[in-house]
N, C-alpha and C. Protein backbone atom coordinates (compact mmCIF):
# COMPACT_ATOMS: atom_id res chain seq x y z
N MET A 1 3.92 -159.84 274.18
CA MET A 1 2.72 -159.57 273.62
C MET A 1 3.17 -160.07 272.10
N LYS A 2 2.41 -160.86 271.35
CA LYS A 2 2.33 -161.05 269.96
C LYS A 2 1.39 -160.12 269.11
N ILE A 3 1.90 -159.43 268.02
CA ILE A 3 1.05 -158.47 267.18
C ILE A 3 1.08 -159.01 265.95
N ARG A 4 0.00 -159.20 265.26
CA ARG A 4 0.05 -159.47 263.95
C ARG A 4 -0.49 -158.64 263.02
N ILE A 5 -0.10 -158.31 261.81
CA ILE A 5 -0.84 -157.37 260.85
C ILE A 5 -0.93 -158.44 259.73
N LEU A 6 -2.17 -158.46 259.27
CA LEU A 6 -2.56 -159.32 258.65
C LEU A 6 -2.90 -158.30 257.02
N GLY A 7 -2.29 -158.84 256.11
CA GLY A 7 -2.49 -157.91 255.05
C GLY A 7 -1.46 -158.21 253.77
N SER A 8 -1.77 -157.78 252.51
CA SER A 8 -1.00 -158.47 251.56
C SER A 8 0.06 -157.49 251.03
N GLY A 9 0.17 -156.44 252.05
CA GLY A 9 1.62 -155.57 251.46
C GLY A 9 1.41 -154.13 251.24
N CYS A 10 0.03 -154.08 251.16
CA CYS A 10 -0.53 -152.67 250.68
C CYS A 10 -0.30 -151.46 251.68
N ALA A 11 -0.29 -150.32 251.00
CA ALA A 11 -0.08 -149.27 251.93
C ALA A 11 -0.71 -149.14 253.29
N LYS A 12 -2.05 -149.44 253.07
CA LYS A 12 -2.94 -149.28 254.57
C LYS A 12 -2.27 -150.40 255.55
N CYS A 13 -1.71 -151.77 254.81
CA CYS A 13 -1.04 -152.84 255.78
C CYS A 13 0.14 -152.04 256.53
N HIS A 14 0.92 -151.50 255.86
CA HIS A 14 2.05 -150.88 256.38
C HIS A 14 1.84 -149.78 257.39
N ARG A 15 0.97 -149.02 256.89
CA ARG A 15 0.37 -147.91 257.78
C ARG A 15 0.06 -148.29 259.34
N LEU A 16 -0.75 -149.44 259.08
CA LEU A 16 -1.55 -150.05 260.44
C LEU A 16 -0.17 -150.52 261.05
N GLU A 17 0.88 -151.17 260.58
CA GLU A 17 1.97 -151.80 261.32
C GLU A 17 2.64 -150.76 261.83
N GLN A 18 2.97 -149.50 261.38
CA GLN A 18 3.81 -148.41 261.65
C GLN A 18 2.80 -147.61 262.73
N LEU A 19 1.63 -147.51 262.61
CA LEU A 19 1.17 -146.74 263.96
C LEU A 19 1.07 -147.75 265.01
N THR A 20 0.97 -149.10 264.73
CA THR A 20 1.03 -150.07 266.13
C THR A 20 2.18 -150.05 266.88
N ARG A 21 3.36 -149.81 265.84
CA ARG A 21 4.54 -150.08 266.33
C ARG A 21 4.88 -148.72 267.16
N GLU A 22 4.50 -147.55 266.80
CA GLU A 22 4.60 -146.19 267.26
C GLU A 22 3.93 -146.31 268.77
N VAL A 23 2.69 -146.90 268.69
CA VAL A 23 2.04 -146.59 270.14
C VAL A 23 2.66 -147.58 270.86
N ALA A 24 2.83 -148.79 270.55
CA ALA A 24 3.43 -149.97 271.17
C ALA A 24 4.97 -149.17 271.80
N ALA A 25 5.67 -148.79 271.26
CA ALA A 25 6.83 -148.06 271.66
C ALA A 25 6.36 -146.86 272.71
N GLY A 26 5.67 -146.01 272.40
CA GLY A 26 5.16 -145.13 273.09
C GLY A 26 4.78 -145.48 274.55
N LEU A 27 3.92 -146.70 274.81
CA LEU A 27 3.66 -147.39 275.81
C LEU A 27 4.52 -148.14 276.75
N GLY A 28 5.88 -148.04 275.91
CA GLY A 28 7.02 -149.21 276.62
C GLY A 28 6.63 -150.64 276.59
N LEU A 29 6.08 -150.94 275.62
CA LEU A 29 5.60 -152.56 275.68
C LEU A 29 6.43 -153.37 274.86
N ASP A 30 6.83 -154.42 275.27
CA ASP A 30 7.81 -155.01 274.58
C ASP A 30 6.75 -156.31 273.76
N ALA A 31 6.93 -156.13 272.37
CA ALA A 31 5.95 -156.79 271.80
C ALA A 31 6.62 -157.27 270.54
N GLU A 32 6.05 -158.41 270.01
CA GLU A 32 6.83 -159.27 268.81
C GLU A 32 5.91 -158.93 267.52
N PHE A 33 6.40 -158.24 266.63
CA PHE A 33 5.50 -158.04 265.47
C PHE A 33 5.73 -159.07 264.28
N ASP A 34 4.48 -159.22 263.48
CA ASP A 34 4.59 -160.11 262.36
C ASP A 34 3.73 -159.75 261.59
N HIS A 35 4.08 -159.45 260.24
CA HIS A 35 3.35 -158.87 259.24
C HIS A 35 3.12 -160.28 258.32
N VAL A 36 1.63 -160.67 258.30
CA VAL A 36 1.34 -161.83 257.47
C VAL A 36 0.98 -161.42 256.17
N THR A 37 1.46 -161.98 255.26
CA THR A 37 1.13 -161.66 253.83
C THR A 37 0.62 -162.83 253.08
N ASP A 38 0.83 -163.86 253.47
CA ASP A 38 0.36 -165.07 252.81
C ASP A 38 -1.36 -165.30 252.87
N MET A 39 -1.74 -165.37 251.88
CA MET A 39 -3.31 -165.57 251.83
C MET A 39 -3.90 -166.64 252.52
N GLN A 40 -3.21 -167.71 252.47
CA GLN A 40 -4.00 -169.10 253.21
C GLN A 40 -3.67 -168.88 254.69
N ALA A 41 -2.56 -168.01 255.17
CA ALA A 41 -2.35 -167.63 256.47
C ALA A 41 -3.59 -166.89 257.02
N ILE A 42 -3.66 -165.76 256.19
CA ILE A 42 -4.80 -164.67 256.60
C ILE A 42 -6.11 -165.53 256.54
N MET A 43 -6.52 -166.15 255.70
CA MET A 43 -7.46 -166.83 255.81
C MET A 43 -8.09 -167.83 256.58
N ALA A 44 -6.97 -167.94 257.52
CA ALA A 44 -7.14 -168.76 259.06
C ALA A 44 -7.89 -168.03 259.92
N TYR A 45 -7.86 -166.64 259.61
CA TYR A 45 -8.51 -165.55 260.56
C TYR A 45 -10.06 -165.40 260.11
N PRO A 46 -10.87 -165.15 261.34
CA PRO A 46 -12.38 -164.45 260.66
C PRO A 46 -12.34 -163.13 260.29
N ILE A 47 -11.70 -162.61 259.14
CA ILE A 47 -11.70 -161.50 258.69
C ILE A 47 -12.34 -161.60 257.32
N MET A 48 -12.92 -160.38 256.77
CA MET A 48 -13.34 -160.33 255.21
C MET A 48 -12.40 -159.66 254.58
N THR A 49 -11.74 -158.39 255.31
CA THR A 49 -11.02 -157.73 254.30
C THR A 49 -9.71 -157.19 255.48
N THR A 50 -8.86 -157.01 254.59
CA THR A 50 -7.60 -156.22 255.29
C THR A 50 -7.41 -154.84 255.09
N PRO A 51 -6.55 -154.32 255.89
CA PRO A 51 -5.99 -154.88 256.86
C PRO A 51 -6.41 -155.13 258.45
N ALA A 52 -5.88 -156.07 259.22
CA ALA A 52 -6.27 -156.64 260.29
C ALA A 52 -5.36 -156.71 261.19
N LEU A 53 -5.76 -156.70 262.37
CA LEU A 53 -4.89 -156.51 263.64
C LEU A 53 -5.26 -157.32 264.56
N VAL A 54 -4.04 -158.31 264.58
CA VAL A 54 -4.44 -159.41 265.75
C VAL A 54 -3.40 -159.44 267.09
N ILE A 55 -3.74 -159.45 267.96
CA ILE A 55 -3.19 -159.22 269.28
C ILE A 55 -3.26 -160.42 270.02
N ASP A 56 -2.29 -161.16 270.51
CA ASP A 56 -2.11 -162.61 270.84
C ASP A 56 -3.33 -163.32 270.19
N GLU A 57 -3.63 -163.53 269.15
CA GLU A 57 -4.18 -164.24 268.62
C GLU A 57 -5.72 -164.03 268.53
N GLU A 58 -5.88 -162.84 268.89
CA GLU A 58 -7.34 -162.17 268.80
C GLU A 58 -7.32 -161.10 267.70
N VAL A 59 -8.41 -161.10 266.92
CA VAL A 59 -8.68 -160.20 266.00
C VAL A 59 -9.17 -158.85 266.43
N LEU A 60 -8.52 -157.81 266.59
CA LEU A 60 -9.38 -156.68 267.20
C LEU A 60 -9.97 -155.89 266.42
N VAL A 61 -9.55 -155.40 264.84
CA VAL A 61 -10.04 -154.80 264.08
C VAL A 61 -9.71 -155.25 262.76
N TYR A 62 -10.28 -155.24 261.58
CA TYR A 62 -10.18 -155.18 260.32
C TYR A 62 -10.87 -154.57 259.13
N GLY A 63 -10.13 -153.93 258.25
CA GLY A 63 -11.30 -153.49 257.18
C GLY A 63 -11.22 -152.13 257.34
N ARG A 64 -10.32 -151.44 258.09
CA ARG A 64 -10.39 -149.98 258.37
C ARG A 64 -9.00 -149.47 259.42
N MET A 65 -8.54 -148.50 259.20
CA MET A 65 -7.50 -147.86 260.12
C MET A 65 -7.86 -147.44 261.29
N PRO A 66 -7.49 -148.12 262.59
CA PRO A 66 -8.04 -147.63 263.64
C PRO A 66 -7.24 -146.42 264.25
N SER A 67 -7.66 -145.45 265.11
CA SER A 67 -7.04 -144.16 265.64
C SER A 67 -5.80 -144.75 266.55
N LYS A 68 -4.99 -143.83 266.81
CA LYS A 68 -3.61 -144.07 267.70
C LYS A 68 -4.50 -143.97 269.00
N ASP A 69 -5.84 -143.67 269.31
CA ASP A 69 -6.27 -144.01 270.68
C ASP A 69 -6.90 -145.47 270.88
N GLU A 70 -7.61 -145.60 269.74
CA GLU A 70 -7.91 -147.04 269.87
C GLU A 70 -7.00 -148.00 269.90
N LEU A 71 -5.69 -147.94 268.94
CA LEU A 71 -4.74 -148.78 269.43
C LEU A 71 -4.17 -148.85 270.58
N ALA A 72 -4.02 -147.71 271.20
CA ALA A 72 -3.37 -147.65 272.67
C ALA A 72 -4.28 -148.42 273.62
N GLY A 73 -5.70 -148.31 273.49
CA GLY A 73 -6.79 -148.64 274.39
C GLY A 73 -6.56 -150.34 274.45
N TRP A 74 -6.51 -150.75 273.26
CA TRP A 74 -6.38 -152.22 272.90
C TRP A 74 -4.91 -153.05 273.35
N LEU A 75 -3.86 -151.97 273.22
CA LEU A 75 -2.63 -152.59 273.45
C LEU A 75 -2.67 -152.65 275.03
N LYS A 76 -3.13 -151.40 275.74
CA LYS A 76 -3.10 -151.41 277.31
C LYS A 76 -4.02 -152.47 277.92
N ALA A 77 -5.30 -152.90 277.19
CA ALA A 77 -6.30 -153.96 277.61
C ALA A 77 -5.07 -155.43 277.36
N ALA A 78 -4.63 -155.59 276.44
CA ALA A 78 -3.74 -156.93 276.12
C ALA A 78 -2.81 -156.84 277.12
N ARG A 79 -2.28 -155.91 277.38
CA ARG A 79 -1.08 -155.77 278.53
C ARG A 79 -1.52 -156.42 279.78
N GLN A 80 -2.88 -156.01 280.16
CA GLN A 80 -3.64 -156.51 281.26
C GLN A 80 -4.26 -157.83 281.35
N GLY A 81 -4.32 -158.23 280.11
CA GLY A 81 -4.82 -159.60 280.13
C GLY A 81 -6.30 -159.50 279.90
N ILE A 82 -7.00 -158.44 279.33
CA ILE A 82 -8.23 -158.21 279.06
C ILE A 82 -8.63 -158.43 277.62
N ARG A 83 -9.55 -159.39 277.36
CA ARG A 83 -9.88 -159.90 275.82
C ARG A 83 -11.23 -159.97 275.67
N GLY A 84 -11.89 -160.05 274.43
CA GLY A 84 -12.91 -159.86 273.91
C GLY A 84 -13.62 -158.42 273.71
N ASP A 85 -14.56 -158.45 273.93
CA ASP A 85 -15.19 -156.94 273.71
C ASP A 85 -14.90 -155.94 274.67
N ALA A 86 -14.32 -156.61 275.85
CA ALA A 86 -13.86 -155.69 276.86
C ALA A 86 -12.75 -154.89 276.40
N ALA A 87 -11.72 -155.44 275.55
CA ALA A 87 -10.76 -154.98 274.86
C ALA A 87 -11.06 -153.90 274.01
N ARG A 88 -12.00 -154.35 272.93
CA ARG A 88 -12.29 -153.57 272.02
C ARG A 88 -12.87 -152.02 272.51
N THR A 89 -13.36 -152.21 273.68
CA THR A 89 -14.37 -150.97 273.94
C THR A 89 -13.47 -150.30 275.02
N ASN A 90 -12.37 -150.82 275.83
CA ASN A 90 -11.82 -150.29 276.64
C ASN A 90 -10.98 -149.05 276.15
N ASP A 91 -11.07 -147.82 277.02
CA ASP A 91 -10.27 -146.58 276.61
C ASP A 91 -9.58 -146.12 277.80
N ALA A 92 -9.24 -146.87 278.82
CA ALA A 92 -8.19 -146.99 279.68
C ALA A 92 -6.69 -147.51 279.11
């Protein structure tokens, strides 16, 4: 699983990465993390504000800090290969 945090390096961006790493570790996921700070690279994604969370090249949230429960749902869905709106609303 490839997880990208998009953001300039602000406190919220670092917090999103920290929370995502904590939740992934708690779920026992083997994930590769990448913190993208280059604005040209960030602009390649369909987002308007940062921070943003991208899992396996799918933007799941941007412009706000998700809860740990939201992160867990998205990571579990990604582990199961669920994408799109189903991943965004998956509580399992």
